[in-house]
Amino acid sequence: MLRDIQKGINLTNPSATQKVLSVIRACITRWTAHYLAYRRLLDLLNPLKILVAQERGRGNNPHIIVGDAASHRKARKMLELIENLLQPCPTPGLIQSLQSHCSTLAQLQLLTVTPVTVAQIYFR
């Protein structure tokens, strides 16, 4: 469903990147995996908004909230979680500031585990 939404966005906006992205699940052993998963969620922000709105608009004919009662509860909880995360941040600039700091930390972490130079990181 998320892929279909992204394809639709790509069709209506030829200047878009034309990429179809998927959610990244972070592994517990790598901090940069958490950073990359977070960045990907930011890239998927608009498609996620559309997905949640579509599911809420389906009423008694949902596509995501299916299965037994336990599955319904879990899916509703996940949709609520996504809706809460999509709310505007009450502190202007906080997300951008965190993103900038985390990006710097991720780049520094790369220096400790891979043989790259500072120039390779900052001049990509």
Protein backbone atom coordinates (compact mmCIF):
# COMPACT_ATOMS: atom_id res chain seq x y z
CA MET A 1 0.00 0.00 0.00
CA LEU A 2 2.79 2.41 0.85
CA ARG A 3 4.49 1.61 -2.46
CA ASP A 4 1.27 2.30 -4.38
CA ILE A 5 0.92 5.67 -2.67
CA GLN A 6 4.51 6.57 -3.55
CA LYS A 7 4.00 5.52 -7.17
CA GLY A 8 0.90 7.73 -7.30
CA ILE A 9 2.86 10.67 -5.88
CA ASN A 10 5.57 10.08 -8.48
CA LEU A 11 2.99 10.12 -11.30
CA THR A 12 1.42 13.37 -10.14
CA ASN A 13 4.75 15.09 -9.45
CA PRO A 14 7.28 14.56 -12.26
CA SER A 15 9.85 16.66 -10.40
CA ALA A 16 9.83 14.19 -7.48
CA THR A 17 12.73 11.79 -7.02
CA GLN A 18 10.69 8.93 -8.54
CA LYS A 19 11.95 6.59 -5.83
CA VAL A 20 9.80 4.04 -4.07
CA LEU A 21 11.13 3.57 -0.55
CA SER A 22 10.40 1.03 2.13
CA VAL A 23 10.60 1.31 5.91
CA ILE A 24 13.97 0.40 7.41
CA ARG A 25 13.99 -1.58 10.62
CA ALA A 26 16.97 -0.72 12.79
CA CYS A 27 19.16 -3.47 14.22
CA ILE A 28 20.19 -3.16 17.82
CA THR A 29 23.93 -3.50 17.16
CA ARG A 30 24.39 -0.42 15.01
CA TRP A 31 23.56 3.13 16.04
CA THR A 32 23.71 4.33 12.44
CA ALA A 33 20.96 1.85 11.56
CA HIS A 34 18.66 3.72 13.94
CA TYR A 35 19.68 7.01 12.37
CA LEU A 36 19.04 5.68 8.84
CA ALA A 37 15.68 4.24 9.91
CA TYR A 38 14.72 7.63 11.33
CA ARG A 39 15.82 9.40 8.14
CA ARG A 40 13.79 6.98 6.05
CA LEU A 41 10.69 7.67 8.15
CA LEU A 42 11.17 11.38 7.48
CA ASP A 43 11.40 10.59 3.76
CA LEU A 44 8.16 8.58 4.04
CA LEU A 45 6.28 11.23 6.02
CA ASN A 46 3.85 12.29 3.27
CA PRO A 47 3.08 8.76 2.04
CA LEU A 48 2.45 7.70 5.66
CA LYS A 49 0.06 10.62 6.15
CA ILE A 50 -1.84 9.55 3.03
CA LEU A 51 -1.88 5.89 4.12
CA VAL A 52 -3.34 6.72 7.54
CA ALA A 53 -5.92 9.11 6.04
CA GLN A 54 -6.99 6.49 3.48
CA GLU A 55 -7.38 3.81 6.14
CA ARG A 56 -9.39 6.12 8.40
CA GLY A 57 -11.57 7.09 5.41
CA ARG A 58 -12.43 3.48 4.60
CA GLY A 59 -14.67 3.19 7.67
CA ASN A 60 -16.09 -0.35 7.80
CA ASN A 61 -14.00 -1.56 4.83
CA PRO A 62 -10.40 -1.29 6.11
CA HIS A 63 -7.36 -2.67 4.30
CA ILE A 64 -4.87 -2.57 7.16
CA ILE A 65 -7.07 -3.37 10.15
CA VAL A 66 -7.89 -6.98 9.32
CA GLY A 67 -7.80 -10.37 11.04
CA ASP A 68 -8.90 -11.43 14.49
CA ALA A 69 -9.66 -9.16 17.44
CA ALA A 70 -6.03 -9.11 18.61
CA SER A 71 -4.88 -8.09 15.13
CA HIS A 72 -7.50 -5.33 15.03
CA ARG A 73 -6.29 -3.95 18.35
CA LYS A 74 -2.66 -4.03 17.28
CA ALA A 75 -3.36 -2.40 13.90
CA ARG A 76 -5.46 0.35 15.50
CA LYS A 77 -2.71 0.97 18.03
CA MET A 78 -0.13 1.24 15.24
CA LEU A 79 -2.30 3.66 13.25
CA GLU A 80 -2.76 5.81 16.36
CA LEU A 81 0.99 5.74 16.94
CA ILE A 82 1.64 6.87 13.35
CA GLU A 83 -1.01 9.60 13.66
CA ASN A 84 0.58 10.88 16.86
CA LEU A 85 4.02 10.91 15.26
CA LEU A 86 2.67 12.86 12.30
CA GLN A 87 1.41 15.72 14.48
CA PRO A 88 3.35 18.97 14.11
CA CYS A 89 6.23 19.37 16.54
CA PRO A 90 5.34 21.92 19.27
CA THR A 91 8.90 23.28 19.27
CA PRO A 92 9.77 24.96 15.94
CA GLY A 93 13.09 23.79 14.55
CA LEU A 94 13.51 20.93 17.03
CA ILE A 95 13.30 18.15 14.43
CA GLN A 96 15.74 19.94 12.11
CA SER A 97 18.15 20.53 14.98
CA LEU A 98 18.00 16.89 16.10
CA GLN A 99 18.41 15.76 12.51
CA SER A 100 21.51 17.92 12.07
CA HIS A 101 23.12 16.70 15.30
CA CYS A 102 22.29 13.06 14.58
CA SER A 103 23.68 13.36 11.06
CA THR A 104 26.96 14.66 12.45
CA LEU A 105 27.12 11.83 15.00
CA ALA A 106 26.39 9.24 12.30
CA GLN A 107 29.16 10.63 10.12
CA LEU A 108 31.62 10.62 13.02
CA GLN A 109 30.66 7.05 13.88
CA LEU A 110 31.47 6.05 10.31
CA LEU A 111 34.99 7.37 10.81
CA THR A 112 35.51 4.93 13.67
CA VAL A 113 34.41 1.82 11.78
CA THR A 114 35.38 2.42 8.14
CA PRO A 115 38.55 3.66 6.51
CA VAL A 116 37.19 6.91 5.07
CA THR A 117 38.48 10.43 5.28
CA VAL A 118 36.70 13.50 6.54
CA ALA A 119 36.77 14.85 2.98
CA GLN A 120 34.87 11.79 1.71
CA ILE A 121 32.12 12.38 4.27
CA TYR A 122 31.69 16.10 3.93
CA PHE A 123 32.16 16.45 0.17
CA ARG A 124 29.85 13.73 -1.13
